[in-house]
């Protein structure tokens, strides 16, 4: 199976996925790294790993539809079977999601359905929760609302800052995201309504 990873930033989850694949834990090819930010460090990580990269900037297209068609064309050409969002800071349209229905994964830095949106860590920390942690889920039309694949609890300690909490959450992301990808590759994820059954 060919995988495309979409990134907009530093690419630490991308690195975790690359490392996991190199160790043989993900038995698939990371064929393409797509970014909307031409100078993001994720692209450097991809190049260092010998992975093909594609930069598509929204500003170069009249409409969001044209922008996404350019990406869809590229991932279809690479015969991509799974799209992995790893810090990709753009919402995908309904048309894009439909084209890859149940074949797009995302990681969110809070225990969904709590603290949706772009400030998941900050919101959980400010709220004063005692436990938070990342969620890997399928992407659907509603933001951060798709069926949950894996979650990992992270305790919030008395002396945690938002930064130390973020670090702990990212460490867990780097464990559960590659695992969720491998479960998908092995065909072990079965969506039943809102629930994802992990097949033995």
Protein backbone atom coordinates (compact mmCIF):
# COMPACT_ATOMS: atom_id res chain seq x y z
CA UNK A 1 0.00 0.00 0.00
CA UNK A 2 1.16 3.53 -0.79
CA UNK A 3 0.72 6.23 1.85
CA UNK A 4 0.69 10.02 1.48
CA UNK A 5 1.43 12.13 4.55
CA UNK A 6 0.12 15.73 4.62
CA UNK A 7 2.09 18.22 6.74
CA UNK A 8 2.28 21.97 7.35
CA UNK A 9 4.87 22.26 10.11
CA UNK A 10 7.79 20.66 11.90
CA UNK A 11 6.81 17.11 10.99
CA UNK A 12 7.54 15.24 14.23
CA UNK A 13 4.67 12.83 13.58
CA UNK A 14 5.94 12.36 10.03
CA UNK A 15 9.35 11.47 11.50
CA UNK A 16 7.76 8.95 13.87
CA UNK A 17 5.93 7.38 10.92
CA UNK A 18 9.13 7.25 8.81
CA UNK A 19 11.09 5.70 11.71
CA UNK A 20 8.35 3.15 12.33
CA UNK A 21 8.26 2.20 8.66
CA UNK A 22 12.06 1.83 8.54
CA UNK A 23 11.91 -0.53 11.54
CA UNK A 24 9.37 -2.65 9.65
CA UNK A 25 6.44 -1.80 11.94
CA UNK A 26 4.52 -0.17 9.08
CA UNK A 27 4.51 -2.51 6.11
CA UNK A 28 3.69 0.05 3.45
CA UNK A 29 5.46 2.66 1.34
CA UNK A 30 5.45 6.31 2.30
CA UNK A 31 5.26 7.41 -1.32
CA UNK A 32 4.55 11.11 -0.98
CA UNK A 33 4.70 13.97 1.51
CA UNK A 34 2.34 16.82 0.63
CA UNK A 35 2.59 20.30 2.12
CA UNK A 36 0.89 23.66 1.69
CA UNK A 37 3.88 25.43 3.31
CA UNK A 38 6.95 25.49 1.04
CA UNK A 39 9.57 26.00 3.77
CA UNK A 40 8.20 23.74 6.50
CA UNK A 41 10.69 21.39 8.16
CA UNK A 42 8.52 18.35 7.39
CA UNK A 43 9.66 18.63 3.76
CA UNK A 44 13.31 18.48 4.87
CA UNK A 45 12.53 15.33 6.88
CA UNK A 46 10.90 13.79 3.80
CA UNK A 47 13.85 14.66 1.54
CA UNK A 48 16.31 13.27 4.10
CA UNK A 49 14.36 10.00 4.02
CA UNK A 50 14.31 9.95 0.21
CA UNK A 51 10.55 10.48 0.00
CA UNK A 52 9.01 12.36 -2.91
CA UNK A 53 7.54 15.73 -1.91
CA UNK A 54 4.82 17.93 -3.32
CA UNK A 55 4.16 21.55 -2.39
CA UNK A 56 0.74 22.95 -3.31
CA UNK A 57 -0.03 26.45 -2.02
CA UNK A 58 -3.62 27.64 -1.76
CA UNK A 59 -2.71 31.16 -2.92
CA UNK A 60 -1.75 29.82 -6.37
CA UNK A 61 -5.30 28.67 -7.12
CA UNK A 62 -8.46 30.66 -7.72
CA UNK A 63 -10.66 28.27 -5.76
CA UNK A 64 -10.27 25.71 -3.00
CA UNK A 65 -11.66 23.16 -5.43
CA UNK A 66 -8.85 23.77 -7.94
CA UNK A 67 -6.28 23.65 -5.13
CA UNK A 68 -7.55 20.29 -3.92
CA UNK A 69 -7.92 18.88 -7.44
CA UNK A 70 -4.20 19.47 -7.93
CA UNK A 71 -3.46 17.41 -4.80
CA UNK A 72 -5.99 14.69 -5.69
CA UNK A 73 -4.45 14.37 -9.15
CA UNK A 74 -1.01 13.88 -7.61
CA UNK A 75 -2.08 11.31 -5.01
CA UNK A 76 -4.10 9.33 -7.56
CA UNK A 77 -1.02 9.27 -9.82
CA UNK A 78 0.97 7.79 -6.92
CA UNK A 79 -1.79 5.20 -6.35
CA UNK A 80 -2.25 6.29 -2.73
CA UNK A 81 -4.36 3.98 -0.58
CA UNK A 82 -4.18 5.97 2.67
CA UNK A 83 -3.92 9.69 3.42
CA UNK A 84 -2.35 10.54 6.79
CA UNK A 85 -2.80 14.06 8.18
CA UNK A 86 0.16 14.95 10.39
CA UNK A 87 -0.11 18.58 11.39
CA UNK A 88 -1.77 19.61 8.13
CA UNK A 89 -3.36 22.95 8.94
CA UNK A 90 -6.04 23.08 6.28
CA UNK A 91 -9.57 21.70 6.44
CA UNK A 92 -10.30 19.20 3.67
CA UNK A 93 -13.46 19.76 1.65
CA UNK A 94 -16.35 17.32 1.43
CA UNK A 95 -15.32 16.42 -2.13
CA UNK A 96 -11.81 15.51 -1.04
CA UNK A 97 -13.04 13.45 1.90
CA UNK A 98 -15.54 11.68 -0.36
CA UNK A 99 -12.79 10.79 -2.84
CA UNK A 100 -10.89 9.03 -0.03
CA UNK A 101 -13.78 8.03 2.20
CA UNK A 102 -12.61 6.05 5.25
CA UNK A 103 -9.06 6.30 3.93
CA UNK A 104 -7.97 9.49 5.72
CA UNK A 105 -6.55 9.43 9.24
CA UNK A 106 -5.85 12.31 11.60
CA UNK A 107 -4.27 12.68 15.02
CA UNK A 108 -5.72 15.17 17.50
CA UNK A 109 -3.90 16.19 20.70
CA UNK A 110 -6.87 15.72 23.05
CA UNK A 111 -9.22 12.90 24.00
CA UNK A 112 -12.06 13.42 21.54
CA UNK A 113 -14.88 14.35 21.63
CA UNK A 114 -13.47 16.81 24.21
CA UNK A 115 -11.49 19.87 23.14
CA UNK A 116 -11.95 19.77 19.39
CA UNK A 117 -10.29 22.34 17.15
CA UNK A 118 -6.81 23.75 16.71
CA UNK A 119 -6.08 24.46 20.41
CA UNK A 120 -6.70 21.00 21.88
CA UNK A 121 -3.76 21.03 24.29
CA UNK A 122 -4.24 24.63 25.44
CA UNK A 123 -7.99 24.16 25.91
CA UNK A 124 -7.60 20.98 27.98
CA UNK A 125 -4.85 22.53 30.10
CA UNK A 126 -6.84 25.73 30.70
CA UNK A 127 -9.94 23.71 31.60
CA UNK A 128 -7.99 21.96 34.33
CA UNK A 129 -8.51 18.33 33.28
CA UNK A 130 -6.58 15.66 35.16
CA UNK A 131 -6.24 13.39 32.12
CA UNK A 132 -5.91 14.23 28.44
CA UNK A 133 -4.02 12.66 25.54
CA UNK A 134 -4.06 12.10 21.78
CA UNK A 135 -6.73 10.54 19.58
CA UNK A 136 -6.25 8.93 16.17
CA UNK A 137 -9.48 8.99 14.16
CA UNK A 138 -10.93 8.67 10.70
CA UNK A 139 -11.61 11.99 9.00
CA UNK A 140 -15.24 12.85 8.25
CA UNK A 141 -17.02 16.03 7.12
CA UNK A 142 -17.29 17.41 10.65
CA UNK A 143 -14.03 18.57 12.24
CA UNK A 144 -12.50 16.14 14.75
CA UNK A 145 -15.69 14.09 14.74
CA UNK A 146 -14.77 10.89 12.88
CA UNK A 147 -14.79 7.39 14.41
CA UNK A 148 -12.02 6.94 17.00
CA UNK A 149 -9.31 4.36 16.26
CA UNK A 150 -6.89 4.72 19.19
CA UNK A 151 -6.53 6.97 22.22
CA UNK A 152 -3.80 7.21 24.83
CA UNK A 153 -4.33 8.80 28.25
CA UNK A 154 -1.79 11.32 29.54
CA UNK A 155 -2.01 12.42 33.19
CA UNK A 156 -1.79 16.13 33.88
CA UNK A 157 0.50 16.62 36.88
CA UNK A 158 0.43 19.51 39.34
CA UNK A 159 3.67 20.95 38.01
CA UNK A 160 2.86 20.54 34.30
CA UNK A 161 2.99 23.59 32.09
CA UNK A 162 1.25 23.76 28.74
CA UNK A 163 4.66 23.05 27.14
CA UNK A 164 5.50 19.97 29.24
CA UNK A 165 2.00 18.63 28.69
CA UNK A 166 2.33 19.17 24.93
CA UNK A 167 5.61 17.25 24.98
CA UNK A 168 4.03 14.30 26.82
CA UNK A 169 1.08 14.25 24.41
CA UNK A 170 3.32 14.37 21.34
CA UNK A 171 5.35 11.44 22.70
CA UNK A 172 2.14 9.41 22.88
CA UNK A 173 1.11 10.55 19.39
CA UNK A 174 4.39 9.19 18.06
CA UNK A 175 3.49 5.77 19.52
CA UNK A 176 -0.18 5.43 18.61
CA UNK A 177 -0.20 7.06 15.16
CA UNK A 178 2.19 4.54 13.53
CA UNK A 179 0.25 1.73 15.23
CA UNK A 180 -3.08 2.97 13.85
CA UNK A 181 -1.54 3.26 10.37
CA UNK A 182 -0.29 -0.34 10.52
CA UNK A 183 -3.72 -1.57 11.68
CA UNK A 184 -5.23 0.18 8.65
CA UNK A 185 -2.61 -1.29 6.30
CA UNK A 186 -3.33 -4.78 7.66
CA UNK A 187 -7.07 -4.30 7.10
CA UNK A 188 -7.77 -4.66 10.82
CA UNK A 189 -9.98 -1.59 11.24
CA UNK A 190 -13.69 -2.10 10.75
CA UNK A 191 -16.03 0.88 11.03
CA UNK A 192 -19.40 0.01 12.56
CA UNK A 193 -21.45 3.19 12.85
CA UNK A 194 -19.55 5.47 15.22
CA UNK A 195 -17.29 2.71 16.46
CA UNK A 196 -14.09 1.26 15.04
CA UNK A 197 -13.61 -2.41 15.74
CA UNK A 198 -9.99 -3.60 15.81
CA UNK A 199 -9.92 -7.08 14.33
CA UNK A 200 -7.56 -9.67 15.80
